[in-house]
N, C-alpha and C. Protein backbone atom coordinates (compact mmCIF):
# COMPACT_ATOMS: atom_id res chain seq x y z
N MET A 1 19.77 11.90 14.17
CA MET A 1 18.94 10.97 13.43
C MET A 1 17.96 10.31 14.40
N ARG A 2 16.70 10.36 14.06
CA ARG A 2 15.68 9.71 14.89
C ARG A 2 15.55 8.26 14.46
N LEU A 3 15.56 7.40 15.46
CA LEU A 3 15.53 5.96 15.18
C LEU A 3 14.19 5.35 15.55
N GLN A 4 13.86 4.29 14.86
CA GLN A 4 12.73 3.43 15.19
C GLN A 4 13.40 2.18 15.78
N ILE A 5 13.24 1.96 17.08
CA ILE A 5 13.93 0.86 17.75
C ILE A 5 12.90 -0.19 18.16
N ILE A 6 13.19 -1.43 17.84
CA ILE A 6 12.32 -2.53 18.26
C ILE A 6 12.92 -3.15 19.50
N GLU A 7 12.12 -3.25 20.54
CA GLU A 7 12.54 -3.86 21.80
C GLU A 7 11.80 -5.18 21.95
N ASP A 8 12.53 -6.22 22.28
CA ASP A 8 11.93 -7.54 22.44
C ASP A 8 10.94 -7.53 23.60
N THR A 9 9.83 -8.20 23.42
CA THR A 9 8.79 -8.25 24.45
C THR A 9 9.23 -9.03 25.69
N ARG A 10 10.35 -9.77 25.59
CA ARG A 10 10.85 -10.48 26.77
C ARG A 10 11.64 -9.56 27.70
N GLN A 11 11.96 -8.35 27.23
CA GLN A 11 12.60 -7.36 28.10
C GLN A 11 11.58 -6.97 29.16
N GLN A 12 11.97 -7.05 30.42
CA GLN A 12 11.03 -6.77 31.50
C GLN A 12 10.65 -5.29 31.53
N ALA A 13 9.36 -5.05 31.54
CA ALA A 13 8.85 -3.68 31.58
C ALA A 13 9.31 -3.00 32.86
N GLY A 14 9.71 -1.75 32.73
CA GLY A 14 10.12 -0.97 33.89
C GLY A 14 11.59 -1.10 34.25
N LYS A 15 12.28 -2.07 33.71
CA LYS A 15 13.69 -2.27 34.07
C LYS A 15 14.66 -1.56 33.12
N HIS A 16 14.13 -0.91 32.12
CA HIS A 16 15.00 -0.28 31.12
C HIS A 16 14.59 1.16 30.86
N GLU A 17 14.05 1.79 31.89
CA GLU A 17 13.53 3.16 31.75
C GLU A 17 14.62 4.17 31.40
N LEU A 18 15.83 3.99 31.91
CA LEU A 18 16.91 4.92 31.60
C LEU A 18 17.17 4.95 30.09
N LYS A 19 17.24 3.77 29.48
CA LYS A 19 17.41 3.70 28.03
C LYS A 19 16.24 4.39 27.33
N HIS A 20 15.03 4.09 27.76
CA HIS A 20 13.84 4.65 27.14
C HIS A 20 13.85 6.17 27.23
N GLU A 21 14.24 6.71 28.40
CA GLU A 21 14.28 8.16 28.58
C GLU A 21 15.30 8.80 27.64
N LYS A 22 16.47 8.19 27.53
CA LYS A 22 17.52 8.74 26.64
C LYS A 22 17.07 8.69 25.19
N TRP A 23 16.46 7.59 24.80
CA TRP A 23 15.98 7.48 23.42
C TRP A 23 14.88 8.50 23.15
N ALA A 24 13.98 8.66 24.11
CA ALA A 24 12.89 9.63 23.94
C ALA A 24 13.46 11.05 23.81
N ALA A 25 14.50 11.35 24.57
CA ALA A 25 15.13 12.67 24.48
C ALA A 25 15.71 12.93 23.09
N HIS A 26 16.13 11.87 22.42
CA HIS A 26 16.66 11.98 21.05
C HIS A 26 15.54 11.97 20.01
N GLY A 27 14.31 11.75 20.45
CA GLY A 27 13.19 11.68 19.52
C GLY A 27 12.99 10.32 18.91
N ASP A 28 13.66 9.31 19.48
CA ASP A 28 13.52 7.95 18.98
C ASP A 28 12.18 7.35 19.41
N THR A 29 11.69 6.40 18.66
CA THR A 29 10.44 5.72 18.98
C THR A 29 10.74 4.26 19.27
N ILE A 30 10.14 3.73 20.33
CA ILE A 30 10.34 2.34 20.73
C ILE A 30 9.06 1.56 20.41
N TYR A 31 9.24 0.42 19.74
CA TYR A 31 8.15 -0.50 19.48
C TYR A 31 8.51 -1.81 20.15
N ARG A 32 7.54 -2.39 20.86
CA ARG A 32 7.78 -3.69 21.49
C ARG A 32 7.23 -4.77 20.59
N CYS A 33 8.07 -5.76 20.35
CA CYS A 33 7.71 -6.83 19.43
C CYS A 33 8.57 -8.05 19.77
N ALA A 34 8.04 -9.23 19.56
CA ALA A 34 8.83 -10.44 19.79
C ALA A 34 9.94 -10.52 18.74
N LEU A 35 11.17 -10.59 19.21
CA LEU A 35 12.32 -10.74 18.31
C LEU A 35 12.81 -12.18 18.36
N PRO A 36 13.29 -12.71 17.25
CA PRO A 36 13.78 -14.09 17.27
C PRO A 36 15.06 -14.25 18.08
N CYS A 37 15.84 -13.17 18.21
CA CYS A 37 17.05 -13.20 19.01
C CYS A 37 17.41 -11.77 19.41
N GLY A 38 18.16 -11.62 20.47
CA GLY A 38 18.58 -10.30 20.92
C GLY A 38 17.47 -9.54 21.63
N ASP A 39 17.83 -8.37 22.12
CA ASP A 39 16.88 -7.54 22.86
C ASP A 39 16.41 -6.33 22.07
N TYR A 40 17.24 -5.84 21.15
CA TYR A 40 16.90 -4.64 20.38
C TYR A 40 17.26 -4.85 18.92
N ALA A 41 16.50 -4.21 18.05
CA ALA A 41 16.76 -4.33 16.62
C ALA A 41 16.22 -3.09 15.91
N LEU A 42 16.66 -2.93 14.69
CA LEU A 42 16.08 -1.92 13.81
C LEU A 42 15.07 -2.62 12.92
N PRO A 43 14.09 -1.89 12.44
CA PRO A 43 13.12 -2.51 11.54
C PRO A 43 13.79 -2.98 10.26
N SER A 44 13.26 -4.01 9.70
CA SER A 44 13.73 -4.49 8.41
C SER A 44 13.34 -3.47 7.36
N PRO A 45 14.13 -3.30 6.30
CA PRO A 45 13.76 -2.33 5.27
C PRO A 45 12.59 -2.80 4.41
N ILE A 46 12.22 -4.06 4.54
CA ILE A 46 11.16 -4.62 3.70
C ILE A 46 10.33 -5.63 4.49
N HIS A 47 9.02 -5.58 4.30
CA HIS A 47 8.12 -6.57 4.87
C HIS A 47 7.19 -7.05 3.77
N ILE A 48 6.91 -8.33 3.77
CA ILE A 48 6.03 -8.91 2.75
C ILE A 48 4.91 -9.65 3.47
N ASP A 49 3.69 -9.26 3.16
CA ASP A 49 2.50 -9.91 3.71
C ASP A 49 1.89 -10.72 2.56
N THR A 50 1.77 -12.02 2.73
CA THR A 50 1.19 -12.83 1.65
C THR A 50 -0.28 -13.13 1.95
N LYS A 51 -1.05 -13.15 0.90
CA LYS A 51 -2.47 -13.50 0.97
C LYS A 51 -2.67 -14.74 0.11
N ALA A 52 -3.41 -15.70 0.62
CA ALA A 52 -3.57 -16.99 -0.06
C ALA A 52 -4.41 -16.89 -1.32
N ASN A 53 -5.28 -15.88 -1.39
CA ASN A 53 -6.17 -15.76 -2.55
C ASN A 53 -6.86 -14.40 -2.53
N MET A 54 -7.64 -14.14 -3.54
CA MET A 54 -8.35 -12.85 -3.64
C MET A 54 -9.37 -12.69 -2.52
N GLN A 55 -9.96 -13.79 -2.10
CA GLN A 55 -10.94 -13.71 -1.00
C GLN A 55 -10.31 -13.17 0.27
N GLU A 56 -9.08 -13.58 0.56
CA GLU A 56 -8.43 -13.13 1.79
C GLU A 56 -8.19 -11.62 1.77
N ILE A 57 -7.68 -11.07 0.66
CA ILE A 57 -7.44 -9.63 0.61
C ILE A 57 -8.77 -8.87 0.57
N ALA A 58 -9.77 -9.44 -0.09
CA ALA A 58 -11.10 -8.80 -0.11
C ALA A 58 -11.66 -8.73 1.31
N GLN A 59 -11.45 -9.76 2.09
CA GLN A 59 -11.92 -9.78 3.48
C GLN A 59 -11.14 -8.79 4.34
N ASN A 60 -9.81 -8.71 4.12
CA ASN A 60 -8.99 -7.76 4.89
C ASN A 60 -9.42 -6.32 4.64
N ILE A 61 -9.75 -6.01 3.41
CA ILE A 61 -10.07 -4.63 3.04
C ILE A 61 -11.57 -4.35 3.11
N GLY A 62 -12.38 -5.28 2.64
CA GLY A 62 -13.81 -5.02 2.56
C GLY A 62 -14.66 -5.86 3.49
N GLY A 63 -14.03 -6.53 4.45
CA GLY A 63 -14.78 -7.35 5.40
C GLY A 63 -15.33 -6.50 6.53
N THR A 64 -15.26 -7.01 7.72
CA THR A 64 -15.79 -6.27 8.87
C THR A 64 -14.92 -5.05 9.15
N ALA A 65 -15.49 -4.11 9.87
CA ALA A 65 -14.74 -2.90 10.25
C ALA A 65 -13.51 -3.28 11.07
N LYS A 66 -13.63 -4.32 11.89
CA LYS A 66 -12.51 -4.77 12.73
C LYS A 66 -11.37 -5.30 11.85
N GLU A 67 -11.71 -6.10 10.83
CA GLU A 67 -10.68 -6.64 9.92
C GLU A 67 -9.99 -5.53 9.15
N HIS A 68 -10.78 -4.59 8.65
CA HIS A 68 -10.23 -3.47 7.89
C HIS A 68 -9.31 -2.62 8.76
N ALA A 69 -9.73 -2.36 9.99
CA ALA A 69 -8.92 -1.55 10.91
C ALA A 69 -7.61 -2.24 11.24
N ARG A 70 -7.64 -3.56 11.45
CA ARG A 70 -6.41 -4.32 11.73
C ARG A 70 -5.45 -4.23 10.55
N PHE A 71 -5.96 -4.38 9.34
CA PHE A 71 -5.12 -4.31 8.15
C PHE A 71 -4.52 -2.91 7.99
N ARG A 72 -5.33 -1.88 8.20
CA ARG A 72 -4.84 -0.50 8.12
C ARG A 72 -3.78 -0.22 9.18
N ARG A 73 -3.98 -0.74 10.40
CA ARG A 73 -2.98 -0.55 11.47
C ARG A 73 -1.64 -1.16 11.07
N GLU A 74 -1.69 -2.32 10.44
CA GLU A 74 -0.47 -2.98 9.99
C GLU A 74 0.26 -2.12 8.94
N LEU A 75 -0.49 -1.55 8.02
CA LEU A 75 0.11 -0.69 6.99
C LEU A 75 0.66 0.59 7.60
N THR A 76 -0.06 1.15 8.56
CA THR A 76 0.40 2.36 9.24
C THR A 76 1.67 2.09 10.02
N LEU A 77 1.74 0.95 10.70
CA LEU A 77 2.94 0.60 11.46
C LEU A 77 4.14 0.47 10.52
N ALA A 78 3.97 -0.21 9.40
CA ALA A 78 5.07 -0.33 8.43
C ALA A 78 5.51 1.05 7.96
N GLN A 79 4.56 1.91 7.68
CA GLN A 79 4.88 3.27 7.24
C GLN A 79 5.64 4.02 8.33
N ASN A 80 5.18 3.92 9.57
CA ASN A 80 5.84 4.61 10.68
C ASN A 80 7.24 4.07 10.95
N LEU A 81 7.45 2.79 10.69
CA LEU A 81 8.76 2.18 10.88
C LEU A 81 9.71 2.52 9.73
N GLY A 82 9.18 3.09 8.66
CA GLY A 82 10.01 3.43 7.52
C GLY A 82 10.37 2.21 6.69
N THR A 83 9.58 1.17 6.78
CA THR A 83 9.82 -0.05 6.02
C THR A 83 8.92 -0.08 4.79
N LYS A 84 9.36 -0.71 3.75
CA LYS A 84 8.56 -0.87 2.55
C LYS A 84 7.71 -2.13 2.71
N MET A 85 6.40 -1.95 2.59
CA MET A 85 5.46 -3.07 2.74
C MET A 85 4.95 -3.49 1.38
N TYR A 86 5.06 -4.80 1.12
CA TYR A 86 4.48 -5.41 -0.07
C TYR A 86 3.39 -6.37 0.39
N VAL A 87 2.28 -6.37 -0.31
CA VAL A 87 1.24 -7.37 -0.08
C VAL A 87 1.18 -8.20 -1.36
N LEU A 88 1.58 -9.47 -1.22
CA LEU A 88 1.64 -10.38 -2.36
C LEU A 88 0.40 -11.27 -2.31
N VAL A 89 -0.48 -11.07 -3.29
CA VAL A 89 -1.73 -11.82 -3.34
C VAL A 89 -1.58 -12.98 -4.31
N GLU A 90 -1.50 -14.18 -3.76
CA GLU A 90 -1.44 -15.39 -4.58
C GLU A 90 -2.87 -15.67 -5.05
N ASN A 91 -3.00 -16.07 -6.30
CA ASN A 91 -4.35 -16.39 -6.77
C ASN A 91 -4.28 -17.25 -8.02
N THR A 92 -5.35 -17.97 -8.26
CA THR A 92 -5.48 -18.79 -9.46
C THR A 92 -6.51 -18.19 -10.40
N ASP A 93 -6.86 -16.91 -10.16
CA ASP A 93 -7.86 -16.21 -10.97
C ASP A 93 -7.24 -15.47 -12.15
N GLY A 94 -5.91 -15.52 -12.28
CA GLY A 94 -5.25 -14.79 -13.36
C GLY A 94 -5.09 -13.31 -13.07
N ILE A 95 -5.30 -12.90 -11.83
CA ILE A 95 -5.15 -11.49 -11.44
C ILE A 95 -3.67 -11.17 -11.36
N ARG A 96 -3.23 -10.13 -12.09
CA ARG A 96 -1.82 -9.74 -12.10
C ARG A 96 -1.64 -8.23 -11.91
N SER A 97 -2.76 -7.48 -11.82
CA SER A 97 -2.67 -6.02 -11.68
C SER A 97 -3.94 -5.48 -11.04
N LEU A 98 -3.90 -4.20 -10.65
CA LEU A 98 -5.10 -3.57 -10.09
C LEU A 98 -6.21 -3.50 -11.13
N ALA A 99 -5.84 -3.36 -12.40
CA ALA A 99 -6.86 -3.36 -13.47
C ALA A 99 -7.58 -4.70 -13.49
N ASP A 100 -6.83 -5.78 -13.28
CA ASP A 100 -7.46 -7.11 -13.21
C ASP A 100 -8.36 -7.22 -11.97
N VAL A 101 -7.92 -6.64 -10.86
CA VAL A 101 -8.73 -6.67 -9.64
C VAL A 101 -10.07 -5.99 -9.90
N ALA A 102 -10.06 -4.87 -10.61
CA ALA A 102 -11.30 -4.13 -10.90
C ALA A 102 -12.30 -4.99 -11.66
N ARG A 103 -11.81 -5.93 -12.47
CA ARG A 103 -12.69 -6.82 -13.25
C ARG A 103 -13.04 -8.11 -12.50
N TRP A 104 -12.41 -8.33 -11.35
CA TRP A 104 -12.62 -9.56 -10.58
C TRP A 104 -14.06 -9.66 -10.10
N GLN A 105 -14.62 -10.84 -10.21
CA GLN A 105 -15.98 -11.10 -9.73
C GLN A 105 -15.89 -11.81 -8.38
N ASN A 106 -16.22 -11.11 -7.32
CA ASN A 106 -16.17 -11.68 -5.98
C ASN A 106 -17.27 -12.74 -5.86
N PRO A 107 -16.92 -14.00 -5.62
CA PRO A 107 -17.94 -15.05 -5.51
C PRO A 107 -18.90 -14.84 -4.33
N ARG A 108 -18.48 -14.07 -3.34
CA ARG A 108 -19.35 -13.82 -2.18
C ARG A 108 -20.55 -12.94 -2.53
N LEU A 109 -20.48 -12.23 -3.67
CA LEU A 109 -21.60 -11.36 -4.06
C LEU A 109 -22.88 -12.15 -4.29
N SER A 110 -22.77 -13.43 -4.68
CA SER A 110 -23.98 -14.24 -4.90
C SER A 110 -24.70 -14.53 -3.59
N ASP A 111 -23.95 -14.59 -2.47
CA ASP A 111 -24.55 -14.85 -1.16
C ASP A 111 -24.83 -13.57 -0.39
N SER A 112 -23.98 -12.57 -0.60
CA SER A 112 -24.08 -11.34 0.18
C SER A 112 -23.91 -10.14 -0.74
N PRO A 113 -25.00 -9.44 -1.01
CA PRO A 113 -24.92 -8.28 -1.91
C PRO A 113 -24.06 -7.14 -1.35
N LYS A 114 -23.72 -7.21 -0.07
CA LYS A 114 -22.88 -6.18 0.55
C LYS A 114 -21.39 -6.50 0.44
N ALA A 115 -21.05 -7.67 -0.09
CA ALA A 115 -19.64 -8.04 -0.27
C ALA A 115 -18.99 -7.03 -1.22
N ILE A 116 -17.70 -6.84 -1.06
CA ILE A 116 -16.98 -5.86 -1.87
C ILE A 116 -16.87 -6.32 -3.33
N THR A 117 -17.07 -5.40 -4.24
CA THR A 117 -16.91 -5.71 -5.67
C THR A 117 -15.44 -5.57 -6.05
N GLY A 118 -15.07 -6.15 -7.18
CA GLY A 118 -13.70 -6.02 -7.66
C GLY A 118 -13.34 -4.56 -7.91
N GLU A 119 -14.26 -3.79 -8.45
CA GLU A 119 -13.99 -2.38 -8.74
C GLU A 119 -13.72 -1.59 -7.45
N ARG A 120 -14.56 -1.81 -6.45
CA ARG A 120 -14.36 -1.12 -5.17
C ARG A 120 -13.07 -1.56 -4.49
N LEU A 121 -12.74 -2.85 -4.57
CA LEU A 121 -11.52 -3.39 -3.99
C LEU A 121 -10.30 -2.74 -4.66
N ALA A 122 -10.32 -2.64 -5.99
CA ALA A 122 -9.20 -2.03 -6.73
C ALA A 122 -9.03 -0.56 -6.32
N ARG A 123 -10.13 0.18 -6.18
CA ARG A 123 -10.03 1.58 -5.75
C ARG A 123 -9.46 1.69 -4.35
N ALA A 124 -9.90 0.80 -3.44
CA ALA A 124 -9.39 0.82 -2.06
C ALA A 124 -7.90 0.49 -2.04
N MET A 125 -7.48 -0.46 -2.85
CA MET A 125 -6.06 -0.83 -2.91
C MET A 125 -5.22 0.34 -3.45
N ALA A 126 -5.73 1.00 -4.48
CA ALA A 126 -5.01 2.15 -5.05
C ALA A 126 -4.88 3.26 -4.01
N THR A 127 -5.93 3.50 -3.25
CA THR A 127 -5.89 4.51 -2.19
C THR A 127 -4.86 4.14 -1.13
N MET A 128 -4.84 2.87 -0.74
CA MET A 128 -3.88 2.40 0.27
C MET A 128 -2.45 2.52 -0.24
N GLN A 129 -2.24 2.26 -1.52
CA GLN A 129 -0.90 2.42 -2.09
C GLN A 129 -0.44 3.87 -1.95
N GLU A 130 -1.34 4.81 -2.25
CA GLU A 130 -1.01 6.24 -2.14
C GLU A 130 -0.83 6.67 -0.69
N ARG A 131 -1.74 6.27 0.15
CA ARG A 131 -1.76 6.74 1.54
C ARG A 131 -0.67 6.11 2.40
N TYR A 132 -0.41 4.81 2.23
CA TYR A 132 0.50 4.09 3.12
C TYR A 132 1.80 3.66 2.47
N GLY A 133 1.93 3.83 1.15
CA GLY A 133 3.15 3.43 0.47
C GLY A 133 3.28 1.93 0.27
N VAL A 134 2.21 1.19 0.49
CA VAL A 134 2.21 -0.25 0.28
C VAL A 134 2.17 -0.52 -1.23
N THR A 135 2.72 -1.64 -1.63
CA THR A 135 2.61 -2.07 -3.03
C THR A 135 1.92 -3.42 -3.06
N PHE A 136 0.84 -3.49 -3.83
CA PHE A 136 0.12 -4.76 -4.00
C PHE A 136 0.67 -5.45 -5.24
N LEU A 137 1.05 -6.71 -5.08
CA LEU A 137 1.55 -7.53 -6.18
C LEU A 137 0.69 -8.79 -6.27
N PHE A 138 0.64 -9.37 -7.45
CA PHE A 138 -0.23 -10.51 -7.69
C PHE A 138 0.53 -11.58 -8.46
N CYS A 139 0.31 -12.84 -8.10
CA CYS A 139 0.97 -13.94 -8.80
C CYS A 139 0.23 -15.23 -8.53
N GLY A 140 0.61 -16.25 -9.28
CA GLY A 140 0.09 -17.58 -9.01
C GLY A 140 0.82 -18.18 -7.81
N PRO A 141 0.21 -19.13 -7.11
CA PRO A 141 0.86 -19.73 -5.94
C PRO A 141 2.24 -20.31 -6.25
N GLU A 142 2.42 -20.85 -7.44
CA GLU A 142 3.70 -21.45 -7.81
C GLU A 142 4.79 -20.40 -8.03
N GLN A 143 4.42 -19.14 -8.18
CA GLN A 143 5.38 -18.05 -8.41
C GLN A 143 5.75 -17.31 -7.13
N SER A 144 5.03 -17.55 -6.07
CA SER A 144 5.16 -16.78 -4.84
C SER A 144 6.58 -16.78 -4.27
N ALA A 145 7.19 -17.94 -4.16
CA ALA A 145 8.55 -18.02 -3.58
C ALA A 145 9.52 -17.19 -4.41
N GLY A 146 9.40 -17.23 -5.73
CA GLY A 146 10.27 -16.45 -6.60
C GLY A 146 10.08 -14.95 -6.41
N TYR A 147 8.83 -14.52 -6.28
CA TYR A 147 8.54 -13.10 -6.03
C TYR A 147 9.19 -12.65 -4.71
N ILE A 148 8.99 -13.44 -3.67
CA ILE A 148 9.53 -13.08 -2.35
C ILE A 148 11.05 -13.01 -2.41
N HIS A 149 11.67 -13.98 -3.05
CA HIS A 149 13.13 -13.99 -3.18
C HIS A 149 13.59 -12.75 -3.94
N ALA A 150 12.92 -12.42 -5.04
CA ALA A 150 13.30 -11.25 -5.85
C ALA A 150 13.15 -9.94 -5.07
N LEU A 151 12.18 -9.87 -4.18
CA LEU A 151 11.98 -8.66 -3.37
C LEU A 151 13.04 -8.53 -2.28
N ILE A 152 13.40 -9.64 -1.67
CA ILE A 152 14.34 -9.62 -0.53
C ILE A 152 15.80 -9.56 -0.97
N GLU A 153 16.15 -10.21 -2.05
CA GLU A 153 17.55 -10.35 -2.45
C GLU A 153 18.34 -9.04 -2.53
N PRO A 154 17.81 -7.96 -3.15
CA PRO A 154 18.61 -6.72 -3.22
C PRO A 154 18.95 -6.16 -1.84
N TYR A 155 18.04 -6.27 -0.90
CA TYR A 155 18.30 -5.78 0.46
C TYR A 155 19.36 -6.63 1.16
N ALA A 156 19.29 -7.94 0.94
CA ALA A 156 20.28 -8.83 1.55
C ALA A 156 21.67 -8.55 0.99
N LYS A 157 21.76 -8.30 -0.30
CA LYS A 157 23.05 -7.99 -0.92
C LYS A 157 23.60 -6.66 -0.41
N LEU A 158 22.73 -5.68 -0.26
CA LEU A 158 23.15 -4.38 0.26
C LEU A 158 23.66 -4.50 1.69
N LEU A 159 22.95 -5.25 2.52
CA LEU A 159 23.39 -5.47 3.90
C LEU A 159 24.74 -6.18 3.93
N GLU A 160 24.91 -7.19 3.09
CA GLU A 160 26.17 -7.92 3.02
C GLU A 160 27.31 -6.97 2.64
N GLN A 161 27.07 -6.07 1.70
CA GLN A 161 28.08 -5.11 1.27
C GLN A 161 28.45 -4.16 2.42
N TYR A 162 27.46 -3.66 3.14
CA TYR A 162 27.73 -2.76 4.28
C TYR A 162 28.56 -3.48 5.33
N MET A 163 28.22 -4.73 5.61
CA MET A 163 28.95 -5.48 6.64
C MET A 163 30.40 -5.73 6.21
N ARG A 164 30.61 -6.02 4.93
CA ARG A 164 31.94 -6.24 4.40
C ARG A 164 32.78 -4.94 4.53
N GLU A 165 32.16 -3.80 4.17
CA GLU A 165 32.85 -2.51 4.27
C GLU A 165 33.18 -2.17 5.71
N ALA A 166 32.24 -2.44 6.61
CA ALA A 166 32.48 -2.15 8.03
C ALA A 166 33.62 -3.01 8.57
N ALA A 167 33.69 -4.26 8.15
CA ALA A 167 34.74 -5.16 8.61
C ALA A 167 36.12 -4.70 8.09
N ASN A 168 36.12 -4.04 6.94
CA ASN A 168 37.36 -3.55 6.34
C ASN A 168 37.68 -2.13 6.77
N GLY A 169 36.87 -1.58 7.65
CA GLY A 169 37.10 -0.22 8.16
C GLY A 169 36.80 0.88 7.16
N GLU A 170 35.99 0.60 6.15
CA GLU A 170 35.65 1.60 5.14
C GLU A 170 34.51 2.49 5.60
């Protein structure tokens, strides 16, 4: 089994080459990232990226080439780690689906005719869902905590079950 291993950035570079060589021989991939505790971890099965409003996601996808590339890199990394990525777009525009996004009127269009339209944004999001396996979700700001809890809870319960079984020797 090939693993995606996260190594804490506080691990001193060059001092763990033997581990790296053995993992590479097994076909494992090492990613360096700040961990809240410990030196090594497996990727979480789920990641949720929240956006404060439609403008933020429009800027991530249809803003500068640098912003778009950063957002794509994040989606590619999640895909490579084998984690499910959700992008939860909070908004007060009543947007609840990609069909709603297609009808969205970007307020920046009045100042900048090159700003992304709702239709183009919806097409780009649909392409990203297909290409990277990301799921775009939409809700009001007051619903956000509930959405996040509903997305995380099944994974937490599954992990709890595995740990209980392991403790019982099952």
